[in-house]
Structures are given as C-alpha cells and as structure tokens.
Amino acid sequence: MYDVRPNFIIGFHGCEETTRNKLLSSPNELIFSTKPYDWLGHGMYFWENNYTRALLWAEEKRRNGSIKKPSVLGAVIHLGYCCDFLDSKYIQLIQYYYTSLKDRSEILGDDLPKNKDVPSDPNRDMLLRNLDCAVIEHMHQQIFENWKKETEKDGNSSIRNFDTTRGVFTEGGPAFEGAGLFEKSHIQVCVRNPNCIKGFFIPREEVIFPQKQDGL
C-alpha cells in the first residue's frame, strides 16, 4: 500500500563536465553503471538532495585522474516503486534474497563475492560492495524472471519490478572527535527505470535574498 513513493526528489550526479552537457542536450542517452561493486546494484546514481557531496565525489575523481573537469548535474526524480533500504520491509526482503543467492552458490559450488576495502581508504568503509551488488542484482533478476513467467502465462502479472533503489550510508571519518556523525554520510539513489528521471538541470548558485536596496 505504501510501496510507491508519491513525491519528487532532487538528485545530484557528480561527473565530467562534458558528460553533464551531453545529458542536458540528449537526456534520453542515460549512463547506467554496471560495475560489480555498485553499492545499490546497477543503474544511474544520484546523491539525494546533496549537491556538495556530488561535487566532492567528482573532485576526488579529478585527483585520481578519472575526471578532468568536475561538474554536477541536477535531476528531478520520481522514486516510483522503490526498494528503499531505509524501510525495514526491504531490509527483510534483501535478507531473503541473500539466503537465496547463498543457497544457490553452495549448490553450484561457487564462492559468494565479498565486500572489500581499498588500500587508499583510511576509514575502511568497504568501498567495493561486490557482495551487496550481487545480492541486489540477484533480487532484481529473480523478480524479473517471475514477472516474465506470469506475464507469458496470463498476459499480466501482479509482480512488480523495482523502479529505483535507495539507501543511507555512513561513510568517512567522524565529523569531529568522539562524533557519531560522519563526514561523508549520505542518501544514495540508484535509478533503474529511466522514466523515473523527469528532467535534468544545471544547479543554480544561491543569490542573496532579499537584496539591500540603495539608500536603505
């Protein structure tokens, strides 16, 4: 009953400036990530209502040489049918699919992927989320296959494929000594259904309002 998120959100995508400009001029040519360590599975990623984090991410990429000119693209997003890991229901769901993938791997004699740290990360945040990605993609695949079977048999299905995936992450070192707040904490959204992205924009700079008038 409450699975479809009715509101729009603002998302920010850190990227190369040329990538930003291409998406503005050709908004249907989306760039979906399919890396094996994607934190929320495959799709197009946005920082929810967090322009600063998107820019910091892009600047980090410039320092390691993968981006030449950091930029941020804004997007208006409707989450739709969202696998929202801020909702306990979906934590329970992903636990079920972890067990499903684990059992299948044992039958096939395969090793489960593992989340890993990267040597350059002093906070040991397991930035390579291979296990999380594998479980989430397994969930999406199983749901899709069941939806396809029902559709082919009956012409329709009560099963729904997720439009988006959403999660909150505590990342980085403590914001200050002894803090329970962390420097890079954020909410991330992964869009799977391109129709959820209603439009792109270049984020504006804030202006002073109200402005002081001359003589006052």
N, C-alpha and C. Protein backbone atom coordinates (compact mmCIF):
# COMPACT_ATOMS: atom_id res chain seq x y z
N MET A 1 0.81 -1.21 0.00
CA MET A 1 0.00 0.00 0.00
C MET A 1 0.85 1.26 0.00
N TYR A 2 2.00 1.19 0.70
CA TYR A 2 2.86 2.37 0.82
C TYR A 2 4.17 2.20 0.06
N ASP A 3 4.20 1.27 -0.89
CA ASP A 3 5.45 0.96 -1.58
C ASP A 3 5.84 1.97 -2.64
N VAL A 4 4.88 2.67 -3.21
CA VAL A 4 5.19 3.69 -4.22
C VAL A 4 5.39 5.03 -3.52
N ARG A 5 6.56 5.63 -3.74
CA ARG A 5 6.86 6.92 -3.13
C ARG A 5 6.21 8.01 -3.99
N PRO A 6 5.28 8.79 -3.41
CA PRO A 6 4.48 9.70 -4.23
C PRO A 6 5.17 11.01 -4.60
N ASN A 7 6.25 11.34 -3.92
CA ASN A 7 6.85 12.67 -4.10
C ASN A 7 8.04 12.64 -5.05
N PHE A 8 8.39 13.82 -5.54
CA PHE A 8 9.62 14.00 -6.31
C PHE A 8 10.77 14.32 -5.36
N ILE A 9 11.97 13.95 -5.76
CA ILE A 9 13.17 14.35 -5.03
C ILE A 9 14.12 15.04 -6.01
N ILE A 10 15.07 15.76 -5.46
CA ILE A 10 16.15 16.34 -6.26
C ILE A 10 17.39 15.47 -6.04
N GLY A 11 17.97 15.01 -7.14
CA GLY A 11 19.19 14.23 -7.07
C GLY A 11 20.32 14.95 -7.77
N PHE A 12 21.55 14.68 -7.33
CA PHE A 12 22.72 15.29 -7.94
C PHE A 12 23.71 14.20 -8.35
N HIS A 13 24.19 14.34 -9.57
CA HIS A 13 25.08 13.34 -10.18
C HIS A 13 26.42 14.00 -10.46
N GLY A 14 27.46 13.56 -9.75
CA GLY A 14 28.80 14.07 -9.99
C GLY A 14 29.40 13.43 -11.23
N CYS A 15 30.01 14.23 -12.09
CA CYS A 15 30.50 13.68 -13.35
C CYS A 15 31.47 14.66 -14.03
N GLU A 16 31.99 14.25 -15.17
CA GLU A 16 32.78 15.10 -16.04
C GLU A 16 31.86 16.16 -16.67
N GLU A 17 32.39 17.36 -16.88
CA GLU A 17 31.55 18.44 -17.43
C GLU A 17 30.98 18.06 -18.80
N THR A 18 31.77 17.40 -19.63
CA THR A 18 31.27 17.01 -20.95
C THR A 18 30.12 16.00 -20.83
N THR A 19 30.18 15.15 -19.82
CA THR A 19 29.09 14.20 -19.56
C THR A 19 27.83 14.94 -19.15
N ARG A 20 27.99 15.92 -18.28
CA ARG A 20 26.85 16.73 -17.86
C ARG A 20 26.20 17.41 -19.06
N ASN A 21 27.01 18.02 -19.90
CA ASN A 21 26.48 18.75 -21.05
C ASN A 21 25.79 17.81 -22.04
N LYS A 22 26.32 16.62 -22.20
CA LYS A 22 25.71 15.65 -23.12
C LYS A 22 24.34 15.21 -22.61
N LEU A 23 24.24 15.00 -21.29
CA LEU A 23 22.96 14.59 -20.73
C LEU A 23 21.93 15.72 -20.80
N LEU A 24 22.39 16.95 -20.70
CA LEU A 24 21.48 18.09 -20.83
C LEU A 24 20.93 18.20 -22.25
N SER A 25 21.79 17.97 -23.23
CA SER A 25 21.37 18.10 -24.63
C SER A 25 20.70 16.85 -25.18
N SER A 26 21.05 15.68 -24.60
CA SER A 26 20.46 14.40 -25.04
C SER A 26 20.02 13.62 -23.81
N PRO A 27 18.92 14.05 -23.17
CA PRO A 27 18.53 13.48 -21.88
C PRO A 27 18.06 12.03 -21.92
N ASN A 28 17.83 11.50 -23.10
CA ASN A 28 17.44 10.09 -23.18
C ASN A 28 18.64 9.15 -23.30
N GLU A 29 19.83 9.71 -23.45
CA GLU A 29 21.04 8.89 -23.55
C GLU A 29 21.66 8.76 -22.16
N LEU A 30 20.99 8.00 -21.30
CA LEU A 30 21.40 7.88 -19.90
C LEU A 30 22.65 7.01 -19.77
N ILE A 31 23.35 7.24 -18.69
CA ILE A 31 24.57 6.50 -18.41
C ILE A 31 24.33 5.63 -17.18
N PHE A 32 24.13 4.33 -17.40
CA PHE A 32 23.88 3.41 -16.31
C PHE A 32 25.19 2.70 -15.92
N SER A 33 25.42 2.62 -14.63
CA SER A 33 26.60 1.92 -14.14
C SER A 33 26.29 0.43 -13.99
N THR A 34 27.21 -0.40 -14.44
CA THR A 34 27.05 -1.86 -14.31
C THR A 34 28.30 -2.47 -13.68
N LYS A 35 28.94 -1.72 -12.80
CA LYS A 35 30.15 -2.23 -12.14
C LYS A 35 29.77 -3.30 -11.12
N PRO A 36 30.62 -4.29 -10.91
CA PRO A 36 30.29 -5.37 -9.97
C PRO A 36 30.28 -4.94 -8.51
N TYR A 37 30.79 -3.74 -8.23
CA TYR A 37 30.85 -3.26 -6.84
C TYR A 37 29.91 -2.09 -6.57
N ASP A 38 28.96 -1.83 -7.48
CA ASP A 38 27.98 -0.76 -7.26
C ASP A 38 27.22 -1.01 -5.96
N TRP A 39 27.09 0.03 -5.15
CA TRP A 39 26.54 -0.12 -3.80
C TRP A 39 25.08 -0.53 -3.79
N LEU A 40 24.31 -0.09 -4.76
CA LEU A 40 22.87 -0.37 -4.80
C LEU A 40 22.47 -1.12 -6.07
N GLY A 41 23.40 -1.86 -6.63
CA GLY A 41 23.11 -2.55 -7.88
C GLY A 41 23.30 -1.64 -9.08
N HIS A 42 22.86 -2.08 -10.23
CA HIS A 42 23.11 -1.38 -11.48
C HIS A 42 22.04 -0.33 -11.76
N GLY A 43 22.48 0.80 -12.32
CA GLY A 43 21.56 1.88 -12.65
C GLY A 43 22.29 3.20 -12.72
N MET A 44 21.56 4.29 -12.74
CA MET A 44 22.15 5.63 -12.72
C MET A 44 22.07 6.18 -11.31
N TYR A 45 23.19 6.69 -10.83
CA TYR A 45 23.33 7.05 -9.42
C TYR A 45 23.21 8.56 -9.17
N PHE A 46 22.55 8.86 -8.04
CA PHE A 46 22.37 10.24 -7.61
C PHE A 46 22.54 10.33 -6.09
N TRP A 47 23.12 11.46 -5.67
CA TRP A 47 23.13 11.81 -4.25
C TRP A 47 21.83 12.56 -3.98
N GLU A 48 21.04 12.08 -3.04
CA GLU A 48 19.75 12.69 -2.78
C GLU A 48 19.91 14.02 -2.02
N ASN A 49 19.45 15.12 -2.66
CA ASN A 49 19.47 16.46 -2.04
C ASN A 49 20.84 16.80 -1.46
N ASN A 50 21.90 16.45 -2.18
CA ASN A 50 23.24 16.63 -1.63
C ASN A 50 24.21 17.07 -2.74
N TYR A 51 24.07 18.33 -3.13
CA TYR A 51 24.94 18.89 -4.17
C TYR A 51 26.41 18.84 -3.75
N THR A 52 26.68 19.20 -2.50
CA THR A 52 28.07 19.27 -2.03
C THR A 52 28.76 17.92 -2.12
N ARG A 53 28.06 16.86 -1.72
CA ARG A 53 28.66 15.52 -1.77
C ARG A 53 28.93 15.09 -3.21
N ALA A 54 28.02 15.44 -4.11
CA ALA A 54 28.23 15.11 -5.52
C ALA A 54 29.47 15.81 -6.07
N LEU A 55 29.65 17.08 -5.70
CA LEU A 55 30.81 17.83 -6.17
C LEU A 55 32.09 17.28 -5.56
N LEU A 56 32.06 16.97 -4.26
CA LEU A 56 33.25 16.41 -3.62
C LEU A 56 33.65 15.09 -4.26
N TRP A 57 32.65 14.27 -4.62
CA TRP A 57 32.93 13.00 -5.28
C TRP A 57 33.61 13.23 -6.62
N ALA A 58 33.09 14.19 -7.38
CA ALA A 58 33.67 14.50 -8.69
C ALA A 58 35.09 15.04 -8.54
N GLU A 59 35.32 15.85 -7.51
CA GLU A 59 36.67 16.38 -7.28
C GLU A 59 37.64 15.29 -6.87
N GLU A 60 37.17 14.30 -6.12
CA GLU A 60 38.01 13.15 -5.77
C GLU A 60 38.42 12.40 -7.04
N LYS A 61 37.48 12.28 -7.97
CA LYS A 61 37.79 11.61 -9.23
C LYS A 61 38.81 12.40 -10.05
N ARG A 62 38.77 13.72 -9.95
CA ARG A 62 39.78 14.53 -10.65
C ARG A 62 41.16 14.26 -10.06
N ARG A 63 41.24 14.16 -8.75
CA ARG A 63 42.53 13.93 -8.11
C ARG A 63 43.12 12.57 -8.49
N ASN A 64 42.26 11.57 -8.73
CA ASN A 64 42.83 10.28 -9.12
C ASN A 64 42.94 10.11 -10.63
N GLY A 65 42.60 11.19 -11.37
CA GLY A 65 42.84 11.21 -12.81
C GLY A 65 41.71 10.69 -13.69
N SER A 66 40.56 10.32 -13.10
CA SER A 66 39.48 9.77 -13.93
C SER A 66 38.51 10.84 -14.43
N ILE A 67 38.62 12.06 -13.90
CA ILE A 67 37.82 13.19 -14.36
C ILE A 67 38.74 14.39 -14.56
N LYS A 68 38.54 15.12 -15.66
CA LYS A 68 39.37 16.30 -15.93
C LYS A 68 38.74 17.57 -15.37
N LYS A 69 37.44 17.74 -15.57
CA LYS A 69 36.76 18.94 -15.10
C LYS A 69 35.50 18.54 -14.33
N PRO A 70 35.56 18.54 -12.99
CA PRO A 70 34.43 18.09 -12.18
C PRO A 70 33.19 18.95 -12.39
N SER A 71 32.04 18.30 -12.40
CA SER A 71 30.79 19.00 -12.60
C SER A 71 29.68 18.26 -11.89
N VAL A 72 28.54 18.93 -11.71
CA VAL A 72 27.38 18.31 -11.07
C VAL A 72 26.15 18.53 -11.94
N LEU A 73 25.42 17.47 -12.16
CA LEU A 73 24.16 17.52 -12.90
C LEU A 73 23.01 17.31 -11.93
N GLY A 74 22.01 18.19 -11.99
CA GLY A 74 20.82 18.03 -11.16
C GLY A 74 19.76 17.25 -11.90
N ALA A 75 18.89 16.57 -11.15
CA ALA A 75 17.81 15.80 -11.76
C ALA A 75 16.58 15.84 -10.86
N VAL A 76 15.43 15.89 -11.50
CA VAL A 76 14.15 15.73 -10.81
C VAL A 76 13.74 14.27 -10.97
N ILE A 77 13.56 13.59 -9.85
CA ILE A 77 13.35 12.13 -9.87
C ILE A 77 12.09 11.77 -9.11
N HIS A 78 11.30 10.88 -9.71
CA HIS A 78 10.17 10.27 -9.02
C HIS A 78 10.60 8.85 -8.66
N LEU A 79 10.65 8.52 -7.38
CA LEU A 79 11.19 7.23 -6.95
C LEU A 79 10.31 6.07 -7.39
N GLY A 80 9.02 6.30 -7.56
CA GLY A 80 8.13 5.24 -8.01
C GLY A 80 8.11 4.06 -7.05
N TYR A 81 8.11 2.85 -7.63
CA TYR A 81 8.15 1.64 -6.80
C TYR A 81 9.61 1.45 -6.37
N CYS A 82 9.87 1.79 -5.13
CA CYS A 82 11.25 1.93 -4.66
C CYS A 82 11.62 0.84 -3.66
N CYS A 83 12.73 0.18 -3.92
CA CYS A 83 13.31 -0.74 -2.93
C CYS A 83 14.14 0.13 -1.98
N ASP A 84 13.49 0.57 -0.92
CA ASP A 84 14.04 1.60 -0.04
C ASP A 84 14.61 0.95 1.22
N PHE A 85 15.92 0.91 1.31
CA PHE A 85 16.56 0.26 2.45
C PHE A 85 16.54 1.12 3.71
N LEU A 86 15.85 2.26 3.66
CA LEU A 86 15.52 2.98 4.88
C LEU A 86 14.21 2.46 5.48
N ASP A 87 13.56 1.54 4.78
CA ASP A 87 12.31 0.92 5.20
C ASP A 87 12.62 -0.52 5.63
N SER A 88 12.25 -0.88 6.86
CA SER A 88 12.58 -2.20 7.40
C SER A 88 12.07 -3.34 6.53
N LYS A 89 10.97 -3.12 5.83
CA LYS A 89 10.39 -4.14 4.96
C LYS A 89 11.40 -4.62 3.92
N TYR A 90 12.16 -3.67 3.39
CA TYR A 90 13.09 -4.02 2.30
C TYR A 90 14.41 -4.56 2.83
N ILE A 91 14.75 -4.25 4.07
CA ILE A 91 15.89 -4.92 4.70
C ILE A 91 15.57 -6.40 4.84
N GLN A 92 14.36 -6.72 5.28
CA GLN A 92 13.94 -8.11 5.40
C GLN A 92 13.92 -8.79 4.03
N LEU A 93 13.50 -8.05 3.01
CA LEU A 93 13.46 -8.61 1.66
C LEU A 93 14.85 -8.96 1.16
N ILE A 94 15.81 -8.07 1.36
CA ILE A 94 17.16 -8.33 0.86
C ILE A 94 17.83 -9.45 1.66
N GLN A 95 17.44 -9.61 2.91
CA GLN A 95 17.95 -10.74 3.69
C GLN A 95 17.48 -12.06 3.09
N TYR A 96 16.23 -12.08 2.64
CA TYR A 96 15.69 -13.28 2.00
C TYR A 96 16.48 -13.60 0.73
N TYR A 97 16.77 -12.58 -0.08
CA TYR A 97 17.47 -12.84 -1.34
C TYR A 97 18.95 -13.14 -1.12
N TYR A 98 19.51 -12.67 -0.01
CA TYR A 98 20.88 -13.08 0.33
C TYR A 98 20.91 -14.58 0.58
N THR A 99 19.96 -15.07 1.36
CA THR A 99 19.89 -16.51 1.63
C THR A 99 19.68 -17.29 0.34
N SER A 100 18.82 -16.76 -0.54
CA SER A 100 18.57 -17.40 -1.83
C SER A 100 19.85 -17.51 -2.65
N LEU A 101 20.61 -16.41 -2.73
CA LEU A 101 21.86 -16.42 -3.50
C LEU A 101 22.90 -17.32 -2.85
N LYS A 102 22.96 -17.29 -1.53
CA LYS A 102 23.92 -18.13 -0.80
C LYS A 102 23.63 -19.61 -1.05
N ASP A 103 22.35 -19.99 -0.97
CA ASP A 103 21.99 -21.39 -1.19
C ASP A 103 22.32 -21.81 -2.62
N ARG A 104 22.03 -20.95 -3.58
CA ARG A 104 22.32 -21.28 -4.98
C ARG A 104 23.82 -21.42 -5.20
N SER A 105 24.60 -20.54 -4.60
CA SER A 105 26.06 -20.60 -4.75
C SER A 105 26.62 -21.88 -4.17
N GLU A 106 26.07 -22.31 -3.04
CA GLU A 106 26.54 -23.56 -2.42
C GLU A 106 26.23 -24.76 -3.30
N ILE A 107 25.04 -24.77 -3.90
CA ILE A 107 24.66 -25.87 -4.80
C ILE A 107 25.58 -25.92 -6.02
N LEU A 108 25.91 -24.76 -6.56
CA LEU A 108 26.76 -24.69 -7.76
C LEU A 108 28.25 -24.78 -7.44
N GLY A 109 28.57 -24.69 -6.15
CA GLY A 109 29.98 -24.73 -5.75
C GLY A 109 30.71 -23.43 -6.00
N ASP A 110 29.97 -22.32 -6.07
CA ASP A 110 30.57 -21.01 -6.31
C ASP A 110 30.78 -20.28 -4.98
N ASP A 111 31.79 -19.42 -4.97
CA ASP A 111 32.02 -18.58 -3.81
C ASP A 111 31.21 -17.30 -3.93
N LEU A 112 30.63 -16.87 -2.82
CA LEU A 112 29.95 -15.58 -2.83
C LEU A 112 30.96 -14.45 -2.95
N PRO A 113 30.64 -13.40 -3.66
CA PRO A 113 31.52 -12.23 -3.67
C PRO A 113 31.62 -11.65 -2.25
N LYS A 114 32.62 -10.82 -2.05
CA LYS A 114 32.81 -10.18 -0.75
C LYS A 114 32.96 -8.68 -0.92
N ASN A 115 32.46 -7.95 0.05
CA ASN A 115 32.75 -6.52 0.11
C ASN A 115 34.21 -6.33 0.51
N LYS A 116 34.87 -5.33 -0.08
CA LYS A 116 36.30 -5.17 0.15
C LYS A 116 36.66 -3.70 0.42
N ASP A 117 37.71 -3.53 1.19
CA ASP A 117 38.30 -2.21 1.35
C ASP A 117 39.22 -1.91 0.18
N VAL A 118 39.52 -0.63 -0.02
CA VAL A 118 40.56 -0.25 -0.97
C VAL A 118 41.72 0.32 -0.17
N PRO A 119 42.96 0.07 -0.60
CA PRO A 119 44.13 0.48 0.19
C PRO A 119 44.18 1.97 0.49
N SER A 120 43.62 2.80 -0.40
CA SER A 120 43.71 4.26 -0.22
C SER A 120 42.67 4.81 0.77
N ASP A 121 41.78 3.96 1.26
CA ASP A 121 40.72 4.43 2.17
C ASP A 121 41.13 4.19 3.62
N PRO A 122 41.47 5.24 4.36
CA PRO A 122 41.91 5.07 5.75
C PRO A 122 40.76 4.69 6.69
N ASN A 123 39.52 4.90 6.25
CA ASN A 123 38.37 4.64 7.13
C ASN A 123 37.81 3.23 7.00
N ARG A 124 38.33 2.48 6.04
CA ARG A 124 37.93 1.08 5.87
C ARG A 124 36.41 0.97 5.74
N ASP A 125 35.87 1.71 4.78
CA ASP A 125 34.42 1.74 4.56
C ASP A 125 33.93 0.68 3.58
N MET A 126 34.82 -0.26 3.21
CA MET A 126 34.44 -1.29 2.23
C MET A 126 33.83 -0.66 1.00
N LEU A 127 34.61 0.13 0.30
CA LEU A 127 34.12 0.89 -0.84
C LEU A 127 33.76 0.01 -2.03
N LEU A 128 34.30 -1.18 -2.07
CA LEU A 128 33.95 -2.12 -3.15
C LEU A 128 32.89 -3.08 -2.62
N ARG A 129 31.62 -2.80 -2.97
CA ARG A 129 30.50 -3.54 -2.39
C ARG A 129 30.06 -4.68 -3.33
N ASN A 130 30.99 -5.59 -3.60
CA ASN A 130 30.71 -6.68 -4.55
C ASN A 130 29.59 -7.60 -4.05
N LEU A 131 29.58 -7.89 -2.75
CA LEU A 131 28.54 -8.76 -2.21
C LEU A 131 27.18 -8.07 -2.25
N ASP A 132 27.13 -6.84 -1.79
CA ASP A 132 25.86 -6.11 -1.79
C ASP A 132 25.29 -6.03 -3.21
N CYS A 133 26.14 -5.70 -4.16
CA CYS A 133 25.70 -5.58 -5.56
C CYS A 133 25.18 -6.91 -6.08
N ALA A 134 25.88 -7.99 -5.78
CA ALA A 134 25.46 -9.31 -6.26
C ALA A 134 24.10 -9.70 -5.69
N VAL A 135 23.88 -9.43 -4.41
CA VAL A 135 22.61 -9.78 -3.79
C VAL A 135 21.47 -8.94 -4.37
N ILE A 136 21.71 -7.64 -4.52
CA ILE A 136 20.68 -6.76 -5.06
C ILE A 136 20.35 -7.14 -6.51
N GLU A 137 21.36 -7.42 -7.31
CA GLU A 137 21.11 -7.82 -8.70
C GLU A 137 20.41 -9.18 -8.78
N HIS A 138 20.76 -10.07 -7.85
CA HIS A 138 20.06 -11.37 -7.78
C HIS A 138 18.58 -11.14 -7.48
N MET A 139 18.28 -10.24 -6.55
CA MET A 139 16.90 -9.91 -6.23
C MET A 139 16.16 -9.40 -7.47
N HIS A 140 16.76 -8.42 -8.15
CA HIS A 140 16.10 -7.86 -9.34
C HIS A 140 15.88 -8.93 -10.41
N GLN A 141 16.86 -9.80 -10.60
CA GLN A 141 16.75 -10.83 -11.63
C GLN A 141 15.65 -11.84 -11.30
N GLN A 142 15.58 -12.24 -10.03
CA GLN A 142 14.55 -13.21 -9.64
C GLN A 142 13.16 -12.61 -9.78
N ILE A 143 13.01 -11.36 -9.38
CA ILE A 143 11.71 -10.69 -9.53
C ILE A 143 11.34 -10.58 -11.00
N PHE A 144 12.30 -10.20 -11.84
CA PHE A 144 12.03 -10.08 -13.28
C PHE A 144 11.63 -11.41 -13.89
N GLU A 145 12.34 -12.48 -13.53
CA GLU A 145 12.02 -13.79 -14.11
C GLU A 145 10.63 -14.26 -13.70
N ASN A 146 10.25 -14.03 -12.46
CA ASN A 146 8.91 -14.41 -12.01
C ASN A 146 7.84 -13.56 -12.69
N TRP A 147 8.14 -12.26 -12.85
CA TRP A 147 7.22 -11.37 -13.58
C TRP A 147 7.04 -11.85 -15.03
N LYS A 148 8.14 -12.22 -15.66
CA LYS A 148 8.10 -12.67 -17.06
C LYS A 148 7.28 -13.95 -17.20
N LYS A 149 7.46 -14.90 -16.29
CA LYS A 149 6.72 -16.16 -16.35
C LYS A 149 5.21 -15.91 -16.24
N GLU A 150 4.83 -15.07 -15.27
CA GLU A 150 3.41 -14.78 -15.09
C GLU A 150 2.83 -14.04 -16.30
N THR A 151 3.60 -13.11 -16.84
CA THR A 151 3.13 -12.33 -17.99
C THR A 151 2.94 -13.22 -19.22
N GLU A 152 3.90 -14.11 -19.46
CA GLU A 152 3.80 -15.01 -20.61
C GLU A 152 2.65 -16.00 -20.45
N LYS A 153 2.35 -16.38 -19.21
CA LYS A 153 1.29 -17.35 -18.96
C LYS A 153 -0.09 -16.72 -18.97
N ASP A 154 -0.23 -15.58 -18.29
CA ASP A 154 -1.55 -14.98 -18.07
C ASP A 154 -1.78 -13.67 -18.81
N GLY A 155 -0.74 -13.13 -19.43
CA GLY A 155 -0.87 -11.85 -20.12
C GLY A 155 -0.65 -10.65 -19.22
N ASN A 156 -0.57 -10.87 -17.93
CA ASN A 156 -0.27 -9.81 -16.97
C ASN A 156 0.29 -10.45 -15.72
N SER A 157 0.72 -9.61 -14.77
CA SER A 157 1.33 -10.13 -13.55
C SER A 157 1.09 -9.17 -12.40
N SER A 158 0.90 -9.74 -11.22
CA SER A 158 0.79 -8.92 -10.01
C SER A 158 2.16 -8.55 -9.46
N ILE A 159 3.21 -9.16 -10.02
CA ILE A 159 4.57 -8.89 -9.58
C ILE A 159 5.05 -7.58 -10.19
N ARG A 160 5.76 -6.79 -9.40
CA ARG A 160 6.25 -5.51 -9.89
C ARG A 160 7.77 -5.47 -9.82
N ASN A 161 8.38 -4.94 -10.86
CA ASN A 161 9.82 -4.72 -10.87
C ASN A 161 10.11 -3.35 -10.25
N PHE A 162 11.18 -3.28 -9.48
CA PHE A 162 11.53 -2.02 -8.82
C PHE A 162 11.99 -0.98 -9.83
N ASP A 163 11.52 0.26 -9.62
CA ASP A 163 11.95 1.39 -10.43
C ASP A 163 13.28 1.96 -9.95
N THR A 164 13.44 2.01 -8.64
CA THR A 164 14.62 2.63 -8.03
C THR A 164 15.03 1.85 -6.79
N THR A 165 16.26 2.06 -6.38
CA THR A 165 16.77 1.51 -5.13
C THR A 165 17.39 2.66 -4.34
N ARG A 166 17.19 2.67 -3.03
CA ARG A 166 17.60 3.81 -2.20
C ARG A 166 18.23 3.29 -0.91
N GLY A 167 19.31 3.92 -0.48
CA GLY A 167 19.95 3.50 0.76
C GLY A 167 20.67 4.65 1.44
N VAL A 168 20.86 4.54 2.74
CA VAL A 168 21.61 5.52 3.52
C VAL A 168 22.93 4.89 3.91
N PHE A 169 24.00 5.67 3.83
CA PHE A 169 25.34 5.16 4.10
C PHE A 169 26.10 6.09 5.03
N THR A 170 26.67 5.52 6.07
CA THR A 170 27.61 6.27 6.91
C THR A 170 29.00 6.00 6.37
N GLU A 171 29.69 7.03 6.00
CA GLU A 171 30.97 6.90 5.30
C GLU A 171 31.91 8.00 5.76
N GLY A 172 33.20 7.72 5.70
CA GLY A 172 34.19 8.71 6.09
C GLY A 172 34.49 8.66 7.58
N GLY A 173 35.41 9.51 8.00
CA GLY A 173 35.77 9.58 9.41
C GLY A 173 34.75 10.38 10.20
N PRO A 174 34.85 10.35 11.54
CA PRO A 174 33.95 11.14 12.38
C PRO A 174 34.03 12.63 12.05
N ALA A 175 32.88 13.29 12.10
CA ALA A 175 32.82 14.72 11.79
C ALA A 175 33.64 15.55 12.76
N PHE A 176 33.77 15.07 13.98
CA PHE A 176 34.62 15.70 15.00
C PHE A 176 34.95 14.64 16.03
N GLU A 177 35.87 14.93 16.91
CA GLU A 177 36.37 13.94 17.87
C GLU A 177 35.22 13.39 18.72
N GLY A 178 35.08 12.08 18.71
CA GLY A 178 34.05 11.43 19.50
C GLY A 178 32.68 11.44 18.87
N ALA A 179 32.57 11.93 17.63
CA ALA A 179 31.26 12.10 17.00
C ALA A 179 30.67 10.78 16.53
N GLY A 180 29.34 10.75 16.51
CA GLY A 180 28.61 9.66 15.87
C GLY A 180 28.15 10.06 14.48
N LEU A 181 28.52 11.26 14.05
CA LEU A 181 28.25 11.76 12.71
C LEU A 181 29.51 11.60 11.86
N PHE A 182 29.32 11.29 10.59
CA PHE A 182 30.47 11.01 9.73
C PHE A 182 30.51 11.95 8.53
N GLU A 183 31.73 12.24 8.11
CA GLU A 183 31.97 13.30 7.11
C GLU A 183 31.26 13.07 5.78
N LYS A 184 31.15 11.83 5.37
CA LYS A 184 30.63 11.55 4.03
C LYS A 184 29.27 10.83 4.06
N SER A 185 28.57 10.87 5.18
CA SER A 185 27.27 10.21 5.25
C SER A 185 26.32 10.80 4.21
N HIS A 186 25.49 9.95 3.62
CA HIS A 186 24.62 10.42 2.54
C HIS A 186 23.51 9.43 2.26
N ILE A 187 22.52 9.87 1.51
CA ILE A 187 21.50 9.00 0.94
C ILE A 187 21.76 8.92 -0.55
N GLN A 188 21.78 7.71 -1.04
CA GLN A 188 22.07 7.47 -2.46
C GLN A 188 20.85 6.84 -3.12
N VAL A 189 20.61 7.22 -4.36
CA VAL A 189 19.50 6.67 -5.13
C VAL A 189 20.05 6.09 -6.43
N CYS A 190 19.64 4.87 -6.71
CA CYS A 190 20.01 4.22 -7.96
C CYS A 190 18.74 4.06 -8.80
N VAL A 191 18.70 4.71 -9.95
CA VAL A 191 17.53 4.66 -10.83
C VAL A 191 17.71 3.54 -11.84
N ARG A 192 16.74 2.62 -11.86
CA ARG A 192 16.75 1.52 -12.82
C ARG A 192 15.79 1.80 -13.99
N ASN A 193 14.65 2.37 -13.67
CA ASN A 193 13.66 2.70 -14.69
C ASN A 193 13.92 4.14 -15.16
N PRO A 194 14.37 4.33 -16.41
CA PRO A 194 14.72 5.68 -16.88
C PRO A 194 13.55 6.65 -16.85
N ASN A 195 12.31 6.14 -16.86
CA ASN A 195 11.15 7.02 -16.82
C ASN A 195 11.00 7.74 -15.49
N CYS A 196 11.74 7.31 -14.49
CA CYS A 196 11.69 7.98 -13.18
C CYS A 196 12.42 9.31 -13.20
N ILE A 197 13.32 9.50 -14.16
CA ILE A 197 14.04 10.76 -14.27
C ILE A 197 13.20 11.70 -15.14
N LYS A 198 12.65 12.72 -14.53
CA LYS A 198 11.73 13.60 -15.23
C LYS A 198 12.44 14.72 -15.99
N GLY A 199 13.67 15.02 -15.61
CA GLY A 199 14.42 16.04 -16.32
C GLY A 199 15.73 16.35 -15.62
N PHE A 200 16.66 16.92 -16.39
CA PHE A 200 17.96 17.32 -15.87
C PHE A 200 18.06 18.85 -15.84
N PHE A 201 18.95 19.36 -15.01
CA PHE A 201 19.19 20.80 -14.96
C PHE A 201 20.60 21.08 -14.45
N ILE A 202 21.08 22.28 -14.75
CA ILE A 202 22.34 22.75 -14.17
C ILE A 202 22.00 23.44 -12.86
N PRO A 203 22.56 22.99 -11.75
CA PRO A 203 22.25 23.61 -10.46
C PRO A 203 22.63 25.09 -10.44
N ARG A 204 21.73 25.92 -9.93
CA ARG A 204 21.99 27.35 -9.83
C ARG A 204 22.83 27.65 -8.60
N GLU A 205 23.49 28.80 -8.64
CA GLU A 205 24.16 29.31 -7.46
C GLU A 205 23.18 30.15 -6.65
N GLU A 206 23.26 30.04 -5.34
CA GLU A 206 22.35 30.78 -4.48
C GLU A 206 22.67 32.28 -4.54
N VAL A 207 21.63 33.09 -4.53
CA VAL A 207 21.80 34.55 -4.52
C VAL A 207 21.28 35.09 -3.20
N ILE A 208 21.69 36.29 -2.87
CA ILE A 208 21.24 36.92 -1.64
C ILE A 208 19.80 37.41 -1.80
N PHE A 209 18.97 37.04 -0.88
CA PHE A 209 17.56 37.47 -0.92
C PHE A 209 17.06 37.68 0.49
N PRO A 210 16.38 38.80 0.79
CA PRO A 210 16.20 39.94 -0.12
C PRO A 210 17.47 40.77 -0.22
N GLN A 211 17.62 41.43 -1.32
CA GLN A 211 18.80 42.26 -1.51
C GLN A 211 18.57 43.65 -0.91
N LYS A 212 19.63 44.20 -0.35
CA LYS A 212 19.55 45.55 0.19
C LYS A 212 19.45 46.57 -0.94
N GLN A 213 18.50 47.47 -0.84
CA GLN A 213 18.31 48.47 -1.87
C GLN A 213 19.17 49.69 -1.59
N ASP A 214 19.60 50.38 -2.67
CA ASP A 214 20.41 51.58 -2.50
C ASP A 214 19.67 52.63 -1.69
N GLY A 215 20.38 53.25 -0.76
CA GLY A 215 19.80 54.31 0.05
C GLY A 215 19.07 53.82 1.27
N LEU A 216 18.99 52.48 1.47
CA LEU A 216 18.28 51.94 2.63
C LEU A 216 19.26 51.30 3.60
